[in-house]
C-alpha atoms as a PDB file:
ATOM      1  CA  UNK A   1      -0.324  -0.075   0.133  1.00  0.00           C
ATOM      2  CA  UNK A   2       2.764   2.049   0.798  1.00  0.00           C
ATOM      3  CA  UNK A   3       4.999   2.049  -2.041  1.00  0.00           C
ATOM      4  CA  UNK A   4       1.368   2.386  -4.787  1.00  0.00           C
ATOM      5  CA  UNK A   5       0.986   5.733  -2.364  1.00  0.00           C
ATOM      6  CA  UNK A   6       4.742   6.583  -2.934  1.00  0.00           C
ATOM      7  CA  UNK A   7       4.579   6.324  -6.984  1.00  0.00           C
ATOM      8  CA  UNK A   8       0.817   7.514  -7.377  1.00  0.00           C
ATOM      9  CA  UNK A   9       1.382  10.851  -8.822  1.00  0.00           C
ATOM     10  CA  UNK A  10       4.707   9.529 -11.317  1.00  0.00           C
ATOM     11  CA  UNK A  11       3.101   6.878 -12.775  1.00  0.00           C
ATOM     12  CA  UNK A  12       2.549   8.422 -16.023  1.00  0.00           C
ATOM     13  CA  UNK A  13       2.057   7.224 -19.360  1.00  0.00           C
ATOM     14  CA  UNK A  14       4.044   9.880 -20.869  1.00  0.00           C
ATOM     15  CA  UNK A  15       3.298  13.749 -21.560  1.00  0.00           C
ATOM     16  CA  UNK A  16      -0.391  14.067 -21.986  1.00  0.00           C
ATOM     17  CA  UNK A  17      -1.601  15.157 -25.123  1.00  0.00           C
ATOM     18  CA  UNK A  18      -2.648  18.969 -23.370  1.00  0.00           C
ATOM     19  CA  UNK A  19       0.831  19.147 -21.853  1.00  0.00           C
ATOM     20  CA  UNK A  20       2.588  18.058 -25.522  1.00  0.00           C
ATOM     21  CA  UNK A  21       1.229  20.652 -27.481  1.00  0.00           C
ATOM     22  CA  UNK A  22       0.151  23.610 -24.692  1.00  0.00           C
ATOM     23  CA  UNK A  23       2.212  26.524 -26.733  1.00  0.00           C
ATOM     24  CA  UNK A  24      -0.396  25.763 -29.127  1.00  0.00           C
ATOM     25  CA  UNK A  25      -3.408  25.813 -26.956  1.00  0.00           C
ATOM     26  CA  UNK A  26      -1.886  29.446 -25.588  1.00  0.00           C
ATOM     27  CA  UNK A  27      -1.819  30.721 -29.050  1.00  0.00           C
ATOM     28  CA  UNK A  28      -5.086  29.738 -29.500  1.00  0.00           C
ATOM     29  CA  UNK A  29      -6.243  31.350 -26.563  1.00  0.00           C
ATOM     30  CA  UNK A  30      -4.728  34.341 -27.382  1.00  0.00           C
ATOM     31  CA  UNK A  31      -6.646  34.516 -30.258  1.00  0.00           C
ATOM     32  CA  UNK A  32      -9.921  33.054 -28.895  1.00  0.00           C
ATOM     33  CA  UNK A  33      -9.340  36.181 -26.002  1.00  0.00           C
ATOM     34  CA  UNK A  34      -8.620  38.703 -28.507  1.00  0.00           C
ATOM     35  CA  UNK A  35     -11.846  38.238 -30.363  1.00  0.00           C
ATOM     36  CA  UNK A  36     -14.028  38.162 -27.247  1.00  0.00           C
ATOM     37  CA  UNK A  37     -12.172  41.130 -25.730  1.00  0.00           C
ATOM     38  CA  UNK A  38     -13.010  43.272 -28.954  1.00  0.00           C
ATOM     39  CA  UNK A  39     -16.536  41.277 -29.868  1.00  0.00           C
ATOM     40  CA  UNK A  40     -17.191  42.344 -25.735  1.00  0.00           C
ATOM     41  CA  UNK A  41     -16.421  45.701 -25.259  1.00  0.00           C
ATOM     42  CA  UNK A  42     -16.438  48.181 -22.792  1.00  0.00           C
ATOM     43  CA  UNK A  43     -18.309  44.811 -20.743  1.00  0.00           C
ATOM     44  CA  UNK A  44     -15.737  42.815 -20.606  1.00  0.00           C
ATOM     45  CA  UNK A  45     -13.921  45.227 -17.939  1.00  0.00           C
ATOM     46  CA  UNK A  46     -16.366  44.549 -15.504  1.00  0.00           C
ATOM     47  CA  UNK A  47     -14.888  41.823 -14.453  1.00  0.00           C
ATOM     48  CA  UNK A  48     -11.842  42.770 -13.044  1.00  0.00           C
ATOM     49  CA  UNK A  49     -13.791  45.318 -10.655  1.00  0.00           C
ATOM     50  CA  UNK A  50     -15.536  41.403  -9.549  1.00  0.00           C
ATOM     51  CA  UNK A  51     -13.091  41.503  -6.872  1.00  0.00           C
ATOM     52  CA  UNK A  52     -12.654  40.859  -2.943  1.00  0.00           C
ATOM     53  CA  UNK A  53      -9.609  41.751  -0.773  1.00  0.00           C
ATOM     54  CA  UNK A  54      -7.537  42.537  -3.964  1.00  0.00           C
ATOM     55  CA  UNK A  55      -8.261  38.996  -5.248  1.00  0.00           C
ATOM     56  CA  UNK A  56     -10.742  38.546  -8.392  1.00  0.00           C
ATOM     57  CA  UNK A  57     -13.391  35.872  -8.086  1.00  0.00           C
ATOM     58  CA  UNK A  58     -13.642  34.849 -10.977  1.00  0.00           C
ATOM     59  CA  UNK A  59      -9.753  34.466 -12.164  1.00  0.00           C
ATOM     60  CA  UNK A  60      -9.931  32.955  -8.300  1.00  0.00           C
ATOM     61  CA  UNK A  61     -12.446  30.124  -8.573  1.00  0.00           C
ATOM     62  CA  UNK A  62     -10.597  28.969 -12.053  1.00  0.00           C
ATOM     63  CA  UNK A  63      -6.867  29.217 -10.242  1.00  0.00           C
ATOM     64  CA  UNK A  64      -8.305  27.102  -7.532  1.00  0.00           C
ATOM     65  CA  UNK A  65      -9.668  24.606 -10.335  1.00  0.00           C
ATOM     66  CA  UNK A  66      -6.390  24.842 -11.622  1.00  0.00           C
ATOM     67  CA  UNK A  67      -4.298  23.993  -8.088  1.00  0.00           C
ATOM     68  CA  UNK A  68      -6.106  21.529  -6.991  1.00  0.00           C
ATOM     69  CA  UNK A  69      -5.492  18.910  -8.515  1.00  0.00           C
ATOM     70  CA  UNK A  70      -2.056  19.636  -8.539  1.00  0.00           C
ATOM     71  CA  UNK A  71      -2.036  19.688  -4.692  1.00  0.00           C
ATOM     72  CA  UNK A  72      -4.851  16.984  -4.448  1.00  0.00           C
ATOM     73  CA  UNK A  73      -1.620  14.562  -5.714  1.00  0.00           C
ATOM     74  CA  UNK A  74       0.555  15.403  -3.387  1.00  0.00           C
ATOM     75  CA  UNK A  75       1.714  12.761  -0.493  1.00  0.00           C
ATOM     76  CA  UNK A  76       3.122  14.234   2.514  1.00  0.00           C
ATOM     77  CA  UNK A  77       3.813  11.075   4.123  1.00  0.00           C
ATOM     78  CA  UNK A  78       7.280  10.845   1.750  1.00  0.00           C
ATOM     79  CA  UNK A  79       8.266  13.715   3.964  1.00  0.00           C
ATOM     80  CA  UNK A  80       9.764  10.335   5.673  1.00  0.00           C
ATOM     81  CA  UNK A  81      12.113   9.692   3.148  1.00  0.00           C
ATOM     82  CA  UNK A  82      14.055  13.489   3.257  1.00  0.00           C
ATOM     83  CA  UNK A  83      17.353  12.237   4.862  1.00  0.00           C
ATOM     84  CA  UNK A  84      17.570   9.610   2.395  1.00  0.00           C
ATOM     85  CA  UNK A  85      17.910  12.236  -0.485  1.00  0.00           C
ATOM     86  CA  UNK A  86      19.881  14.636   1.376  1.00  0.00           C
ATOM     87  CA  UNK A  87      21.913  15.554  -1.147  1.00  0.00           C
ATOM     88  CA  UNK A  88      19.772  16.273  -4.262  1.00  0.00           C
ATOM     89  CA  UNK A  89      17.448  18.274  -1.789  1.00  0.00           C
ATOM     90  CA  UNK A  90      20.122  20.322  -0.773  1.00  0.00           C
ATOM     91  CA  UNK A  91      20.958  21.021  -4.470  1.00  0.00           C
ATOM     92  CA  UNK A  92      17.368  21.565  -5.244  1.00  0.00           C
ATOM     93  CA  UNK A  93      16.591  23.785  -2.343  1.00  0.00           C
ATOM     94  CA  UNK A  94      19.981  25.449  -2.946  1.00  0.00           C
ATOM     95  CA  UNK A  95      19.007  26.605  -6.382  1.00  0.00           C
ATOM     96  CA  UNK A  96      15.583  26.850  -6.757  1.00  0.00           C
ATOM     97  CA  UNK A  97      15.212  29.658  -3.475  1.00  0.00           C
ATOM     98  CA  UNK A  98      18.946  30.549  -3.293  1.00  0.00           C
ATOM     99  CA  UNK A  99      19.691  31.342  -6.875  1.00  0.00           C
ATOM    100  CA  UNK A 100      17.301  31.700  -9.059  1.00  0.00           C
ATOM    101  CA  UNK A 101      14.720  33.553  -7.793  1.00  0.00           C
ATOM    102  CA  UNK A 102      17.891  36.208  -8.197  1.00  0.00           C
ATOM    103  CA  UNK A 103      19.203  35.067 -12.040  1.00  0.00           C
ATOM    104  CA  UNK A 104      15.648  35.952 -13.047  1.00  0.00           C
ATOM    105  CA  UNK A 105      15.738  39.092 -11.887  1.00  0.00           C
ATOM    106  CA  UNK A 106      19.379  39.730 -12.884  1.00  0.00           C
ATOM    107  CA  UNK A 107      18.018  38.517 -16.598  1.00  0.00           C
ATOM    108  CA  UNK A 108      15.113  40.167 -16.244  1.00  0.00           C
ATOM    109  CA  UNK A 109      16.794  43.799 -15.251  1.00  0.00           C
ATOM    110  CA  UNK A 110      19.250  43.159 -18.387  1.00  0.00           C
ATOM    111  CA  UNK A 111      17.090  42.545 -20.871  1.00  0.00           C
ATOM    112  CA  UNK A 112      13.675  44.913 -20.590  1.00  0.00           C
ATOM    113  CA  UNK A 113      15.927  47.845 -18.395  1.00  0.00           C
ATOM    114  CA  UNK A 114      18.935  48.090 -20.735  1.00  0.00           C
ATOM    115  CA  UNK A 115      18.751  45.883 -23.920  1.00  0.00           C
ATOM    116  CA  UNK A 116      15.529  46.310 -24.482  1.00  0.00           C
ATOM    117  CA  UNK A 117      15.133  50.109 -23.745  1.00  0.00           C
ATOM    118  CA  UNK A 118      14.559  51.195 -27.504  1.00  0.00           C
ATOM    119  CA  UNK A 119      11.736  49.324 -27.443  1.00  0.00           C
ATOM    120  CA  UNK A 120       9.873  49.492 -24.105  1.00  0.00           C
ATOM    121  CA  UNK A 121       8.815  52.439 -22.236  1.00  0.00           C
ATOM    122  CA  UNK A 122       9.984  52.282 -18.417  1.00  0.00           C
ATOM    123  CA  UNK A 123       6.500  51.358 -17.147  1.00  0.00           C
ATOM    124  CA  UNK A 124       6.172  48.107 -19.672  1.00  0.00           C
ATOM    125  CA  UNK A 125      10.219  47.078 -18.302  1.00  0.00           C
ATOM    126  CA  UNK A 126       8.493  47.182 -14.757  1.00  0.00           C
ATOM    127  CA  UNK A 127       5.644  45.143 -15.705  1.00  0.00           C
ATOM    128  CA  UNK A 128       7.241  42.475 -17.596  1.00  0.00           C
ATOM    129  CA  UNK A 129       9.381  42.210 -15.054  1.00  0.00           C
ATOM    130  CA  UNK A 130       7.533  41.885 -12.348  1.00  0.00           C
ATOM    131  CA  UNK A 131       6.187  39.140 -14.094  1.00  0.00           C
ATOM    132  CA  UNK A 132       9.206  37.180 -14.602  1.00  0.00           C
ATOM    133  CA  UNK A 133      10.510  37.790 -10.880  1.00  0.00           C
ATOM    134  CA  UNK A 134       7.351  36.094  -9.655  1.00  0.00           C
ATOM    135  CA  UNK A 135       7.891  33.014 -12.241  1.00  0.00           C
ATOM    136  CA  UNK A 136      11.317  32.822 -10.631  1.00  0.00           C
ATOM    137  CA  UNK A 137      10.209  32.325  -7.096  1.00  0.00           C
ATOM    138  CA  UNK A 138       7.830  29.538  -7.704  1.00  0.00           C
ATOM    139  CA  UNK A 139       9.498  25.912  -8.382  1.00  0.00           C
ATOM    140  CA  UNK A 140       7.856  23.804 -10.641  1.00  0.00           C
ATOM    141  CA  UNK A 141       4.978  21.592  -9.060  1.00  0.00           C
ATOM    142  CA  UNK A 142       3.343  19.478 -11.070  1.00  0.00           C
ATOM    143  CA  UNK A 143       4.555  19.266 -14.529  1.00  0.00           C
ATOM    144  CA  UNK A 144       8.029  18.034 -12.873  1.00  0.00           C
ATOM    145  CA  UNK A 145       6.865  14.586 -12.554  1.00  0.00           C
ATOM    146  CA  UNK A 146       5.637  14.434 -16.098  1.00  0.00           C
ATOM    147  CA  UNK A 147       9.886  15.847 -17.180  1.00  0.00           C
ATOM    148  CA  UNK A 148      10.781  13.017 -14.323  1.00  0.00           C
ATOM    149  CA  UNK A 149       8.929  10.251 -15.615  1.00  0.00           C
ATOM    150  CA  UNK A 150      10.297  11.759 -19.650  1.00  0.00           C
ATOM    151  CA  UNK A 151      14.000  11.362 -18.377  1.00  0.00           C
ATOM    152  CA  UNK A 152      13.792   8.557 -16.801  1.00  0.00           C
ATOM    153  CA  UNK A 153      14.490   9.950 -13.538  1.00  0.00           C
ATOM    154  CA  UNK A 154      13.336   8.777  -9.906  1.00  0.00           C
ATOM    155  CA  UNK A 155       9.821   8.959  -8.861  1.00  0.00           C
ATOM    156  CA  UNK A 156      10.117   8.466  -5.209  1.00  0.00           C
ATOM    157  CA  UNK A 157      12.843  10.913  -5.355  1.00  0.00           C
ATOM    158  CA  UNK A 158      10.540  13.421  -7.077  1.00  0.00           C
ATOM    159  CA  UNK A 159       7.651  13.211  -5.087  1.00  0.00           C
ATOM    160  CA  UNK A 160       9.825  13.529  -1.931  1.00  0.00           C
ATOM    161  CA  UNK A 161      11.164  17.342  -3.424  1.00  0.00           C
ATOM    162  CA  UNK A 162       7.956  18.671  -5.147  1.00  0.00           C
ATOM    163  CA  UNK A 163       6.584  18.321  -1.627  1.00  0.00           C
ATOM    164  CA  UNK A 164       9.815  19.740   0.381  1.00  0.00           C
ATOM    165  CA  UNK A 165       9.584  22.634  -1.928  1.00  0.00           C
ATOM    166  CA  UNK A 166       6.134  23.207  -1.771  1.00  0.00           C
ATOM    167  CA  UNK A 167       6.616  23.449   1.883  1.00  0.00           C
ATOM    168  CA  UNK A 168       9.431  25.600   1.318  1.00  0.00           C
ATOM    169  CA  UNK A 169       7.278  28.413  -0.715  1.00  0.00           C
ATOM    170  CA  UNK A 170       4.400  28.485   1.450  1.00  0.00           C
ATOM    171  CA  UNK A 171       7.603  30.559   3.783  1.00  0.00           C
ATOM    172  CA  UNK A 172      10.064  31.834   0.777  1.00  0.00           C
ATOM    173  CA  UNK A 173       7.363  32.944  -1.902  1.00  0.00           C
ATOM    174  CA  UNK A 174       6.300  36.185  -0.493  1.00  0.00           C
ATOM    175  CA  UNK A 175       9.581  37.815   1.144  1.00  0.00           C
ATOM    176  CA  UNK A 176      11.431  36.916  -1.637  1.00  0.00           C
ATOM    177  CA  UNK A 177       9.003  38.578  -4.240  1.00  0.00           C
ATOM    178  CA  UNK A 178       8.424  41.881  -2.536  1.00  0.00           C
ATOM    179  CA  UNK A 179      12.444  42.100  -1.532  1.00  0.00           C
ATOM    180  CA  UNK A 180      13.282  41.481  -5.266  1.00  0.00           C
ATOM    181  CA  UNK A 181      10.427  43.858  -6.626  1.00  0.00           C
ATOM    182  CA  UNK A 182      11.424  46.499  -3.990  1.00  0.00           C
ATOM    183  CA  UNK A 183      14.897  46.408  -5.821  1.00  0.00           C
ATOM    184  CA  UNK A 184      13.273  47.594  -8.516  1.00  0.00           C
ATOM    185  CA  UNK A 185      10.994  49.954  -6.633  1.00  0.00           C
ATOM    186  CA  UNK A 186       8.210  47.849  -7.862  1.00  0.00           C
ATOM    187  CA  UNK A 187       4.907  48.536  -5.402  1.00  0.00           C
ATOM    188  CA  UNK A 188       3.785  45.470  -3.564  1.00  0.00           C
ATOM    189  CA  UNK A 189       1.367  45.537  -1.299  1.00  0.00           C
ATOM    190  CA  UNK A 190       1.905  42.866   1.246  1.00  0.00           C
ATOM    191  CA  UNK A 191      -1.394  42.095   2.499  1.00  0.00           C
ATOM    192  CA  UNK A 192      -2.203  41.891  -1.249  1.00  0.00           C
ATOM    193  CA  UNK A 193       0.734  39.624  -1.690  1.00  0.00           C
ATOM    194  CA  UNK A 194       0.233  37.557   1.028  1.00  0.00           C
ATOM    195  CA  UNK A 195      -3.443  37.319   0.665  1.00  0.00           C
ATOM    196  CA  UNK A 196      -2.995  35.769  -2.908  1.00  0.00           C
ATOM    197  CA  UNK A 197      -0.490  33.140  -1.214  1.00  0.00           C
ATOM    198  CA  UNK A 198      -3.230  32.145   0.976  1.00  0.00           C
ATOM    199  CA  UNK A 199      -6.031  32.020  -1.626  1.00  0.00           C
ATOM    200  CA  UNK A 200      -3.741  30.563  -4.252  1.00  0.00           C
ATOM    201  CA  UNK A 201      -1.853  27.827  -2.494  1.00  0.00           C
ATOM    202  CA  UNK A 202      -2.669  27.585   1.095  1.00  0.00           C
ATOM    203  CA  UNK A 203      -6.008  26.360   0.817  1.00  0.00           C
ATOM    204  CA  UNK A 204      -6.044  24.404  -2.315  1.00  0.00           C
ATOM    205  CA  UNK A 205      -2.926  22.774  -0.477  1.00  0.00           C
ATOM    206  CA  UNK A 206      -4.511  22.319   2.760  1.00  0.00           C
ATOM    207  CA  UNK A 207      -7.852  20.764   0.733  1.00  0.00           C
ATOM    208  CA  UNK A 208      -5.967  18.792  -1.167  1.00  0.00           C
ATOM    209  CA  UNK A 209      -4.001  17.443   1.884  1.00  0.00           C
ATOM    210  CA  UNK A 210      -7.122  16.507   3.623  1.00  0.00           C
ATOM    211  CA  UNK A 211      -8.945  15.055   0.126  1.00  0.00           C
ATOM    212  CA  UNK A 212      -5.644  12.830  -0.285  1.00  0.00           C
ATOM    213  CA  UNK A 213      -6.062  11.276   2.663  1.00  0.00           C
ATOM    214  CA  UNK A 214      -9.768  11.141   3.217  1.00  0.00           C
ATOM    215  CA  UNK A 215     -10.281   9.454  -0.677  1.00  0.00           C
ATOM    216  CA  UNK A 216      -6.784   7.293  -0.148  1.00  0.00           C
ATOM    217  CA  UNK A 217      -8.740   5.830   3.053  1.00  0.00           C
ATOM    218  CA  UNK A 218     -12.208   5.242   2.334  1.00  0.00           C
ATOM    219  CA  UNK A 219     -11.248   4.371  -1.456  1.00  0.00           C
ATOM    220  CA  UNK A 220      -7.766   2.704  -2.021  1.00  0.00           C
ATOM    221  CA  UNK A 221      -5.196   4.101  -3.800  1.00  0.00           C
ATOM    222  CA  UNK A 222      -6.239   2.447  -7.146  1.00  0.00           C
ATOM    223  CA  UNK A 223      -9.497   4.272  -7.729  1.00  0.00           C
ATOM    224  CA  UNK A 224      -7.390   7.280  -5.941  1.00  0.00           C
ATOM    225  CA  UNK A 225      -5.040   7.240  -9.535  1.00  0.00           C
ATOM    226  CA  UNK A 226      -7.293   4.822 -11.834  1.00  0.00           C
ATOM    227  CA  UNK A 227     -10.811   7.053 -11.483  1.00  0.00           C
ATOM    228  CA  UNK A 228     -10.980  10.440  -9.523  1.00  0.00           C
ATOM    229  CA  UNK A 229      -7.676  11.779 -10.765  1.00  0.00           C
ATOM    230  CA  UNK A 230      -8.221  10.919 -14.363  1.00  0.00           C
ATOM    231  CA  UNK A 231     -11.627  12.648 -14.455  1.00  0.00           C
ATOM    232  CA  UNK A 232     -10.239  15.497 -12.056  1.00  0.00           C
ATOM    233  CA  UNK A 233      -7.378  16.215 -14.842  1.00  0.00           C
ATOM    234  CA  UNK A 234      -9.874  17.959 -17.486  1.00  0.00           C
ATOM    235  CA  UNK A 235     -11.141  20.382 -15.077  1.00  0.00           C
ATOM    236  CA  UNK A 236      -8.034  21.707 -14.589  1.00  0.00           C
ATOM    237  CA  UNK A 237      -7.292  22.121 -18.813  1.00  0.00           C
ATOM    238  CA  UNK A 238     -10.796  23.993 -18.861  1.00  0.00           C
ATOM    239  CA  UNK A 239      -9.763  25.966 -16.202  1.00  0.00           C
ATOM    240  CA  UNK A 240      -6.319  26.929 -17.393  1.00  0.00           C
ATOM    241  CA  UNK A 241      -7.449  27.662 -21.142  1.00  0.00           C
ATOM    242  CA  UNK A 242     -10.100  29.878 -19.190  1.00  0.00           C
ATOM    243  CA  UNK A 243      -8.002  32.097 -17.072  1.00  0.00           C
ATOM    244  CA  UNK A 244      -5.914  32.378 -20.248  1.00  0.00           C
ATOM    245  CA  UNK A 245      -8.706  33.375 -22.795  1.00  0.00           C
ATOM    246  CA  UNK A 246      -9.817  36.209 -20.122  1.00  0.00           C
ATOM    247  CA  UNK A 247      -6.553  37.258 -19.266  1.00  0.00           C
ATOM    248  CA  UNK A 248      -6.214  37.789 -22.994  1.00  0.00           C
ATOM    249  CA  UNK A 249      -9.355  39.557 -23.576  1.00  0.00           C
ATOM    250  CA  UNK A 250      -8.003  42.013 -21.447  1.00  0.00           C
ATOM    251  CA  UNK A 251      -4.788  42.185 -23.391  1.00  0.00           C
ATOM    252  CA  UNK A 252      -6.172  42.360 -27.202  1.00  0.00           C
ATOM    253  CA  UNK A 253      -5.434  45.582 -27.240  1.00  0.00           C
ATOM    254  CA  UNK A 254      -1.741  45.789 -25.869  1.00  0.00           C
ATOM    255  CA  UNK A 255      -0.982  41.983 -28.059  1.00  0.00           C
ATOM    256  CA  UNK A 256      -2.800  43.646 -31.455  1.00  0.00           C
ATOM    257  CA  UNK A 257      -0.023  46.865 -30.806  1.00  0.00           C
ATOM    258  CA  UNK A 258       2.942  44.990 -29.797  1.00  0.00           C
ATOM    259  CA  UNK A 259       3.057  41.441 -30.613  1.00  0.00           C
ATOM    260  CA  UNK A 260       7.186  41.604 -30.621  1.00  0.00           C
ATOM    261  CA  UNK A 261       6.913  42.141 -27.043  1.00  0.00           C
ATOM    262  CA  UNK A 262       5.663  38.466 -26.566  1.00  0.00           C
ATOM    263  CA  UNK A 263       9.025  37.519 -28.188  1.00  0.00           C
ATOM    264  CA  UNK A 264      11.135  39.847 -26.303  1.00  0.00           C
ATOM    265  CA  UNK A 265       9.422  38.673 -23.468  1.00  0.00           C
ATOM    266  CA  UNK A 266      10.089  34.801 -24.282  1.00  0.00           C
ATOM    267  CA  UNK A 267      14.397  35.912 -24.592  1.00  0.00           C
ATOM    268  CA  UNK A 268      14.882  36.221 -20.820  1.00  0.00           C
ATOM    269  CA  UNK A 269      12.272  33.561 -19.898  1.00  0.00           C
ATOM    270  CA  UNK A 270      14.192  30.990 -22.044  1.00  0.00           C
ATOM    271  CA  UNK A 271      17.656  31.947 -21.243  1.00  0.00           C
ATOM    272  CA  UNK A 272      17.299  31.453 -17.401  1.00  0.00           C
ATOM    273  CA  UNK A 273      15.194  28.146 -17.963  1.00  0.00           C
ATOM    274  CA  UNK A 274      18.141  26.589 -19.786  1.00  0.00           C
ATOM    275  CA  UNK A 275      20.654  28.772 -17.555  1.00  0.00           C
ATOM    276  CA  UNK A 276      19.439  27.237 -14.073  1.00  0.00           C
ATOM    277  CA  UNK A 277      19.108  23.519 -15.595  1.00  0.00           C
ATOM    278  CA  UNK A 278      23.025  23.548 -16.347  1.00  0.00           C
ATOM    279  CA  UNK A 279      23.513  25.251 -13.109  1.00  0.00           C
ATOM    280  CA  UNK A 280      21.288  22.336 -11.084  1.00  0.00           C
ATOM    281  CA  UNK A 281      22.887  19.589 -14.137  1.00  0.00           C
ATOM    282  CA  UNK A 282      26.833  20.113 -13.297  1.00  0.00           C
ATOM    283  CA  UNK A 283      26.018  20.615  -9.888  1.00  0.00           C
ATOM    284  CA  UNK A 284      24.243  17.238  -9.200  1.00  0.00           C
ATOM    285  CA  UNK A 285      26.952  16.005 -11.083  1.00  0.00           C
ATOM    286  CA  UNK A 286      29.543  17.397  -8.853  1.00  0.00           C
ATOM    287  CA  UNK A 287      27.638  16.195  -5.608  1.00  0.00           C
ATOM    288  CA  UNK A 288      28.197  12.897  -7.039  1.00  0.00           C
ATOM    289  CA  UNK A 289      23.983  12.556  -7.578  1.00  0.00           C
ATOM    290  CA  UNK A 290      23.305   8.920  -9.357  1.00  0.00           C
ATOM    291  CA  UNK A 291      21.520  10.394 -13.230  1.00  0.00           C
ATOM    292  CA  UNK A 292      17.857   9.090 -11.937  1.00  0.00           C
ATOM    293  CA  UNK A 293      18.579  11.803  -8.844  1.00  0.00           C
ATOM    294  CA  UNK A 294      20.003  14.234 -10.933  1.00  0.00           C
ATOM    295  CA  UNK A 295      17.382  14.688 -13.343  1.00  0.00           C
ATOM    296  CA  UNK A 296      14.167  15.617 -11.724  1.00  0.00           C
ATOM    297  CA  UNK A 297      16.631  18.234  -9.463  1.00  0.00           C
ATOM    298  CA  UNK A 298      18.115  19.769 -12.525  1.00  0.00           C
ATOM    299  CA  UNK A 299      14.073  19.648 -13.853  1.00  0.00           C
ATOM    300  CA  UNK A 300      12.431  21.306 -10.792  1.00  0.00           C
ATOM    301  CA  UNK A 301      14.072  24.405 -11.166  1.00  0.00           C
ATOM    302  CA  UNK A 302      13.971  25.016 -14.761  1.00  0.00           C
ATOM    303  CA  UNK A 303      10.478  24.573 -14.978  1.00  0.00           C
ATOM    304  CA  UNK A 304       8.528  27.375 -12.897  1.00  0.00           C
ATOM    305  CA  UNK A 305       4.805  26.658 -10.834  1.00  0.00           C
ATOM    306  CA  UNK A 306       3.263  29.394 -14.348  1.00  0.00           C
ATOM    307  CA  UNK A 307      -0.334  29.152 -12.483  1.00  0.00           C
ATOM    308  CA  UNK A 308       0.563  30.729  -9.151  1.00  0.00           C
ATOM    309  CA  UNK A 309       2.422  32.933 -10.739  1.00  0.00           C
ATOM    310  CA  UNK A 310       0.256  33.767 -12.851  1.00  0.00           C
ATOM    311  CA  UNK A 311      -2.571  34.146 -10.242  1.00  0.00           C
ATOM    312  CA  UNK A 312      -0.090  36.159  -8.345  1.00  0.00           C
ATOM    313  CA  UNK A 313       0.391  38.440 -11.037  1.00  0.00           C
ATOM    314  CA  UNK A 314      -3.372  39.363 -11.498  1.00  0.00           C
ATOM    315  CA  UNK A 315      -4.195  39.225  -7.751  1.00  0.00           C
ATOM    316  CA  UNK A 316      -1.327  42.004  -7.655  1.00  0.00           C
ATOM    317  CA  UNK A 317      -1.316  44.537 -10.858  1.00  0.00           C
ATOM    318  CA  UNK A 318      -4.712  43.635 -12.849  1.00  0.00           C
ATOM    319  CA  UNK A 319      -5.591  41.691 -16.034  1.00  0.00           C
ATOM    320  CA  UNK A 320      -4.282  44.122 -17.951  1.00  0.00           C
ATOM    321  CA  UNK A 321      -0.928  44.187 -16.753  1.00  0.00           C
ATOM    322  CA  UNK A 322       2.397  43.860 -18.596  1.00  0.00           C
ATOM    323  CA  UNK A 323       3.131  41.212 -15.459  1.00  0.00           C
ATOM    324  CA  UNK A 324       0.095  38.986 -16.151  1.00  0.00           C
ATOM    325  CA  UNK A 325       1.360  39.257 -19.738  1.00  0.00           C
ATOM    326  CA  UNK A 326       5.333  37.817 -18.555  1.00  0.00           C
ATOM    327  CA  UNK A 327       3.607  35.514 -16.412  1.00  0.00           C
ATOM    328  CA  UNK A 328       1.272  33.450 -19.773  1.00  0.00           C
ATOM    329  CA  UNK A 329       4.755  34.047 -22.032  1.00  0.00           C
ATOM    330  CA  UNK A 330       6.079  31.674 -19.055  1.00  0.00           C
ATOM    331  CA  UNK A 331       3.328  29.239 -20.190  1.00  0.00           C
ATOM    332  CA  UNK A 332       3.884  29.339 -23.385  1.00  0.00           C
ATOM    333  CA  UNK A 333       7.659  28.263 -23.334  1.00  0.00           C
ATOM    334  CA  UNK A 334       7.266  26.008 -21.031  1.00  0.00           C
ATOM    335  CA  UNK A 335       6.683  22.471 -23.198  1.00  0.00           C
ATOM    336  CA  UNK A 336       9.311  23.047 -25.930  1.00  0.00           C
ATOM    337  CA  UNK A 337      11.861  24.228 -23.734  1.00  0.00           C
ATOM    338  CA  UNK A 338      11.528  21.542 -21.245  1.00  0.00           C
ATOM    339  CA  UNK A 339      11.350  19.159 -23.976  1.00  0.00           C
ATOM    340  CA  UNK A 340      14.584  20.168 -25.535  1.00  0.00           C
ATOM    341  CA  UNK A 341      16.188  19.634 -21.709  1.00  0.00           C
ATOM    342  CA  UNK A 342      14.376  16.421 -21.618  1.00  0.00           C
ATOM    343  CA  UNK A 343      16.400  15.131 -24.665  1.00  0.00           C
ATOM    344  CA  UNK A 344      19.093  16.931 -23.692  1.00  0.00           C
ATOM    345  CA  UNK A 345      19.445  15.079 -20.445  1.00  0.00           C
ATOM    346  CA  UNK A 346      19.046  11.718 -22.018  1.00  0.00           C
ATOM    347  CA  UNK A 347      21.370  12.140 -24.355  1.00  0.00           C
ATOM    348  CA  UNK A 348      23.667  13.180 -21.661  1.00  0.00           C
ATOM    349  CA  UNK A 349      22.648   9.795 -19.023  1.00  0.00           C
ATOM    350  CA  UNK A 350      25.468   8.442 -17.214  1.00  0.00           C
END
């Protein structure tokens, strides 16, 4: 029973149809959202006013539906095996929380404030940097299971590192984001940032944990894995696509006016992804990690918890903000870039 529960989140047949073509779905949502925004005119703007304590109600519901299916898969009983993965966890914690957020902020500053001065206004540069920082401060929670499986990583280690990183995220995300945005003089209300983490991380995490324990106890691991999770997955997909359509309904005029901005944003995000992967990979080799530990340790930092980043960007800066657009570009590049890293890891397998 325990072994089954340890591996339930990672027993994947490979990357699914939706995940494989995620970039195409984002492009589809861009088109649909822009068309919706044009057709509805000012009526769509009323959605942005449905807020409670700076959290948009419709967006909050969609984000919950997105994140809960991920959180319900996390088995925190795996934390009992933390001592068995000391070097790997030391690497991933160091990279994810002491290095990655700061290198993301550096690349964003370098490109948005320095190299792109001729193309971006100061307000645009500030918004895009804020979105990049939100991505950099949120290591992957869900898709890392796919990348680990595809690269031949250790399923149990992947589950342990995700569980540990989720707990660290509860404590580290808010101060890191506030510190890095404060350096660049981006105003961030502490109360709004804290509320966002409570709404988009703590509540889904607690609900997922309680559901996990109750459902496993009542129906067993086989039912949970083969019946419950497959039924839940479409809910997460529909919620993600709906969120993107709403976001682009607000962003339509901005994208039509400057479509090249998507490319400008993608460049530093892509560079950061490869940099963190190489840093983690060669760090793992120096530490003497086995391939099956080194691969997922490198993947979790390279990939992002983009659902959380999108949610917090919308809560802090609004649906029509540059920060929200930058986090969605993170969704756009996620799959093709990470698949290239999976192929690279397999080529370097040792």
